[in-house]
N, C-alpha and C. Protein backbone atom coordinates (compact mmCIF):
# COMPACT_ATOMS: atom_id res chain seq x y z
N MET A 1 86.18 67.50 124.06
CA MET A 1 86.56 68.67 123.30
C MET A 1 85.31 69.26 122.64
N VAL A 2 85.22 70.56 122.61
CA VAL A 2 84.08 71.26 122.03
C VAL A 2 84.22 71.31 120.51
N GLU A 3 83.13 71.04 119.82
CA GLU A 3 83.12 71.16 118.36
C GLU A 3 82.52 72.50 117.98
N PHE A 4 83.22 73.23 117.09
CA PHE A 4 82.77 74.54 116.66
C PHE A 4 82.17 74.46 115.28
N PRO A 5 81.20 75.30 114.93
CA PRO A 5 80.63 76.34 115.77
C PRO A 5 79.64 75.76 116.79
N VAL A 6 79.49 76.48 117.91
CA VAL A 6 78.49 76.16 118.91
C VAL A 6 77.29 77.06 118.60
N ILE A 7 76.11 76.47 118.44
CA ILE A 7 74.93 77.24 118.05
C ILE A 7 73.79 76.94 119.02
N HIS A 8 73.18 78.01 119.53
CA HIS A 8 71.99 77.89 120.38
C HIS A 8 70.88 78.70 119.73
N ASP A 9 69.75 78.07 119.46
CA ASP A 9 68.68 78.77 118.75
C ASP A 9 67.56 79.26 119.67
N LYS A 10 67.72 79.07 120.98
CA LYS A 10 66.70 79.56 121.92
C LYS A 10 67.33 79.80 123.29
N CYS A 11 66.62 80.55 124.11
CA CYS A 11 67.10 80.87 125.45
C CYS A 11 67.23 79.59 126.27
N PRO A 12 68.38 79.37 126.92
CA PRO A 12 68.56 78.15 127.70
C PRO A 12 67.75 78.14 129.00
N LEU A 13 67.26 79.32 129.40
CA LEU A 13 66.52 79.41 130.66
C LEU A 13 65.02 79.19 130.46
N CYS A 14 64.43 79.92 129.50
CA CYS A 14 62.96 79.83 129.33
C CYS A 14 62.53 79.20 128.02
N GLY A 15 63.45 79.03 127.05
CA GLY A 15 63.11 78.41 125.78
C GLY A 15 62.60 79.37 124.72
N CYS A 16 62.55 80.67 125.02
CA CYS A 16 62.09 81.66 124.04
C CYS A 16 63.04 81.67 122.85
N GLU A 17 62.50 81.74 121.63
CA GLU A 17 63.32 81.72 120.43
C GLU A 17 63.60 83.11 119.88
N GLU A 18 63.10 84.16 120.53
CA GLU A 18 63.27 85.52 120.04
C GLU A 18 64.25 86.28 120.93
N THR A 19 65.12 87.08 120.28
CA THR A 19 66.02 87.95 121.03
C THR A 19 65.64 89.41 120.75
N LEU A 20 66.03 90.31 121.64
CA LEU A 20 65.69 91.72 121.47
C LEU A 20 66.29 92.29 120.18
N ALA A 21 67.56 92.01 119.93
CA ALA A 21 68.21 92.54 118.72
C ALA A 21 67.57 91.98 117.46
N GLN A 22 67.21 90.70 117.45
CA GLN A 22 66.59 90.12 116.26
C GLN A 22 65.19 90.70 116.05
N SER A 23 64.50 91.02 117.14
CA SER A 23 63.18 91.65 117.03
C SER A 23 63.29 93.01 116.33
N ILE A 24 64.32 93.78 116.69
CA ILE A 24 64.56 95.07 116.03
C ILE A 24 64.93 94.85 114.56
N MET A 25 65.80 93.87 114.30
CA MET A 25 66.20 93.57 112.92
C MET A 25 65.00 93.16 112.09
N ASP A 26 64.12 92.33 112.64
CA ASP A 26 62.93 91.91 111.90
C ASP A 26 62.05 93.10 111.54
N ASP A 27 61.92 94.07 112.45
CA ASP A 27 61.16 95.29 112.16
C ASP A 27 61.81 96.07 111.02
N LEU A 28 63.15 96.17 111.04
CA LEU A 28 63.86 96.87 109.97
C LEU A 28 63.67 96.18 108.62
N ILE A 29 63.66 94.85 108.64
CA ILE A 29 63.44 94.10 107.39
C ILE A 29 62.04 94.38 106.86
N LYS A 30 61.03 94.37 107.75
CA LYS A 30 59.65 94.66 107.34
C LYS A 30 59.52 96.06 106.75
N GLU A 31 60.29 97.01 107.30
CA GLU A 31 60.27 98.40 106.82
C GLU A 31 61.19 98.59 105.62
N ARG A 32 61.82 97.52 105.17
CA ARG A 32 62.77 97.53 104.04
C ARG A 32 63.97 98.44 104.30
N ARG A 33 64.37 98.54 105.57
CA ARG A 33 65.56 99.31 105.94
C ARG A 33 66.73 98.36 106.19
N ALA A 34 66.50 97.06 106.04
CA ALA A 34 67.54 96.04 106.13
C ALA A 34 67.19 94.93 105.16
N GLY A 35 68.21 94.21 104.71
CA GLY A 35 68.00 93.14 103.74
C GLY A 35 67.35 91.92 104.34
N PRO A 36 66.64 91.14 103.52
CA PRO A 36 66.01 89.93 104.02
C PRO A 36 67.04 88.94 104.55
N GLY A 37 66.67 88.25 105.60
CA GLY A 37 67.56 87.26 106.18
C GLY A 37 68.59 87.83 107.13
N GLY A 38 68.49 89.12 107.42
CA GLY A 38 69.46 89.75 108.32
C GLY A 38 69.39 89.16 109.73
N LYS A 39 70.54 89.00 110.34
CA LYS A 39 70.63 88.47 111.71
C LYS A 39 71.26 89.54 112.60
N ALA A 40 70.86 89.55 113.87
CA ALA A 40 71.36 90.57 114.78
C ALA A 40 71.78 89.96 116.10
N GLY A 41 72.78 90.53 116.69
CA GLY A 41 73.28 90.13 118.00
C GLY A 41 74.50 90.96 118.33
N THR A 42 74.99 90.83 119.53
CA THR A 42 76.19 91.54 119.96
C THR A 42 77.40 90.64 119.73
N ILE A 43 78.37 91.14 119.00
CA ILE A 43 79.57 90.35 118.70
C ILE A 43 80.64 90.65 119.75
N TRP A 44 81.18 89.61 120.31
CA TRP A 44 82.23 89.72 121.31
C TRP A 44 83.39 88.85 120.86
N GLN A 45 84.59 89.42 120.80
CA GLN A 45 85.77 88.67 120.40
C GLN A 45 86.79 88.66 121.53
N SER A 46 87.35 87.50 121.78
CA SER A 46 88.33 87.37 122.84
C SER A 46 89.55 86.61 122.33
N PRO A 47 90.70 87.31 122.21
CA PRO A 47 91.91 86.59 121.80
C PRO A 47 92.39 85.67 122.92
N ILE A 48 92.92 84.53 122.53
CA ILE A 48 93.46 83.56 123.47
C ILE A 48 94.98 83.66 123.38
N TYR A 49 95.57 84.35 124.33
CA TYR A 49 97.02 84.58 124.30
C TYR A 49 97.76 83.49 125.04
N ASP A 50 98.86 83.07 124.46
CA ASP A 50 99.75 82.12 125.09
C ASP A 50 101.12 82.79 125.16
N PRO A 51 101.60 83.10 126.37
CA PRO A 51 102.87 83.83 126.47
C PRO A 51 104.07 83.08 125.89
N LEU A 52 103.95 81.79 125.70
CA LEU A 52 105.07 81.02 125.14
C LEU A 52 105.04 80.98 123.61
N ARG A 53 103.96 81.45 123.03
CA ARG A 53 103.80 81.40 121.58
C ARG A 53 104.44 82.63 120.94
N THR A 54 105.16 82.43 119.87
CA THR A 54 105.83 83.56 119.21
C THR A 54 105.35 83.77 117.78
N THR A 55 104.24 83.18 117.41
CA THR A 55 103.74 83.33 116.04
C THR A 55 103.02 84.67 115.88
N LEU A 56 102.74 85.00 114.63
CA LEU A 56 102.03 86.25 114.33
C LEU A 56 100.53 86.10 114.38
N ALA A 57 100.01 84.94 114.73
CA ALA A 57 98.57 84.74 114.76
C ALA A 57 98.17 84.07 116.07
N VAL A 58 97.02 84.48 116.59
CA VAL A 58 96.50 83.89 117.83
C VAL A 58 95.07 83.42 117.59
N PRO A 59 94.64 82.38 118.31
CA PRO A 59 93.25 81.97 118.20
C PRO A 59 92.34 83.03 118.82
N ILE A 60 91.18 83.20 118.23
CA ILE A 60 90.19 84.15 118.73
C ILE A 60 88.87 83.42 118.90
N LEU A 61 88.25 83.59 120.06
CA LEU A 61 86.91 83.08 120.28
C LEU A 61 85.95 84.20 119.94
N GLN A 62 85.10 83.99 118.94
CA GLN A 62 84.12 85.00 118.55
C GLN A 62 82.74 84.48 118.94
N SER A 63 82.02 85.28 119.72
CA SER A 63 80.69 84.90 120.18
C SER A 63 79.68 85.94 119.74
N ILE A 64 78.49 85.47 119.38
CA ILE A 64 77.37 86.37 119.11
C ILE A 64 76.39 86.16 120.26
N LEU A 65 76.16 87.22 121.01
CA LEU A 65 75.31 87.15 122.19
C LEU A 65 73.94 87.75 121.89
N GLY A 66 72.93 87.22 122.56
CA GLY A 66 71.58 87.74 122.43
C GLY A 66 70.96 87.93 123.81
N ILE A 67 69.96 88.80 123.87
CA ILE A 67 69.19 89.00 125.09
C ILE A 67 67.80 88.44 124.84
N CYS A 68 67.38 87.54 125.70
CA CYS A 68 66.08 86.90 125.55
C CYS A 68 64.98 87.97 125.53
N ALA A 69 64.06 87.85 124.57
CA ALA A 69 62.97 88.82 124.42
C ALA A 69 61.79 88.55 125.35
N ASN A 70 61.82 87.46 126.08
CA ASN A 70 60.76 87.17 127.04
C ASN A 70 60.86 88.22 128.16
N PRO A 71 59.80 89.04 128.37
CA PRO A 71 59.89 90.13 129.35
C PRO A 71 60.12 89.68 130.79
N VAL A 72 59.81 88.44 131.13
CA VAL A 72 60.06 87.98 132.49
C VAL A 72 61.39 87.24 132.61
N CYS A 73 62.13 87.14 131.51
CA CYS A 73 63.41 86.42 131.52
C CYS A 73 64.57 87.40 131.31
N GLY A 74 64.82 87.79 130.07
CA GLY A 74 65.86 88.76 129.76
C GLY A 74 67.30 88.29 129.93
N VAL A 75 67.50 86.98 129.97
CA VAL A 75 68.87 86.47 130.16
C VAL A 75 69.72 86.71 128.91
N VAL A 76 71.01 87.00 129.13
CA VAL A 76 71.97 87.13 128.04
C VAL A 76 72.54 85.74 127.79
N PHE A 77 72.53 85.30 126.52
CA PHE A 77 73.06 83.98 126.21
C PHE A 77 73.76 83.99 124.87
N CYS A 78 74.57 82.96 124.66
CA CYS A 78 75.35 82.82 123.44
C CYS A 78 74.50 82.21 122.33
N LEU A 79 74.36 82.93 121.22
CA LEU A 79 73.65 82.42 120.05
C LEU A 79 74.58 81.54 119.20
N ARG A 80 75.82 82.00 119.06
CA ARG A 80 76.79 81.28 118.24
C ARG A 80 78.19 81.59 118.75
N ALA A 81 79.02 80.59 118.81
CA ALA A 81 80.44 80.77 119.16
C ALA A 81 81.27 80.02 118.14
N ASP A 82 82.34 80.66 117.71
CA ASP A 82 83.21 80.03 116.73
C ASP A 82 84.65 80.46 117.02
N LYS A 83 85.59 79.69 116.51
CA LYS A 83 86.99 80.06 116.70
C LYS A 83 87.57 80.49 115.37
N GLN A 84 88.46 81.46 115.43
CA GLN A 84 89.13 82.00 114.26
C GLN A 84 90.59 82.19 114.61
N VAL A 85 91.38 82.56 113.62
CA VAL A 85 92.77 82.92 113.86
C VAL A 85 92.94 84.36 113.43
N GLY A 86 93.48 85.17 114.33
CA GLY A 86 93.66 86.59 114.03
C GLY A 86 95.10 87.01 114.18
N PRO A 87 95.44 88.15 113.58
CA PRO A 87 96.81 88.65 113.67
C PRO A 87 97.12 89.21 115.04
N THR A 88 98.37 89.19 115.37
CA THR A 88 98.86 89.82 116.60
C THR A 88 100.26 90.34 116.32
N HIS A 89 100.86 90.99 117.27
CA HIS A 89 102.20 91.53 117.10
C HIS A 89 103.19 90.67 117.85
N GLU A 90 104.39 90.61 117.33
CA GLU A 90 105.46 89.93 118.02
C GLU A 90 105.71 90.63 119.36
N PRO A 91 105.99 89.88 120.40
CA PRO A 91 106.33 90.53 121.67
C PRO A 91 107.55 91.42 121.50
N SER A 92 107.49 92.62 122.07
CA SER A 92 108.63 93.52 121.97
C SER A 92 109.58 93.29 123.13
N SER A 93 110.83 93.43 122.86
CA SER A 93 111.81 93.28 123.94
C SER A 93 112.10 94.65 124.52
N SER A 94 112.18 94.71 125.83
CA SER A 94 112.47 96.00 126.47
C SER A 94 113.92 96.03 126.92
N SER A 95 114.50 97.21 126.89
CA SER A 95 115.90 97.35 127.25
C SER A 95 116.07 97.61 128.71
């Protein structure tokens, strides 16, 4: 079983520790256009639906993705993945 959160601090392909989004964020921090300690990445959320479940909440896999800043690599990889519980709607019955 996977333990959450899952955290990767470098590219799994080349080992580079810098991502393109974080490089931009670091520049913004230096220019004082973003707060210190700011983190950047692409957030992707995926609800895990179970058709047999009738509750008002579903598990959600939330991932923060990064693009490796190594110019000869550029692989997209997961920086952090975590699970949450989010709201959903009751299934509607059709006539």
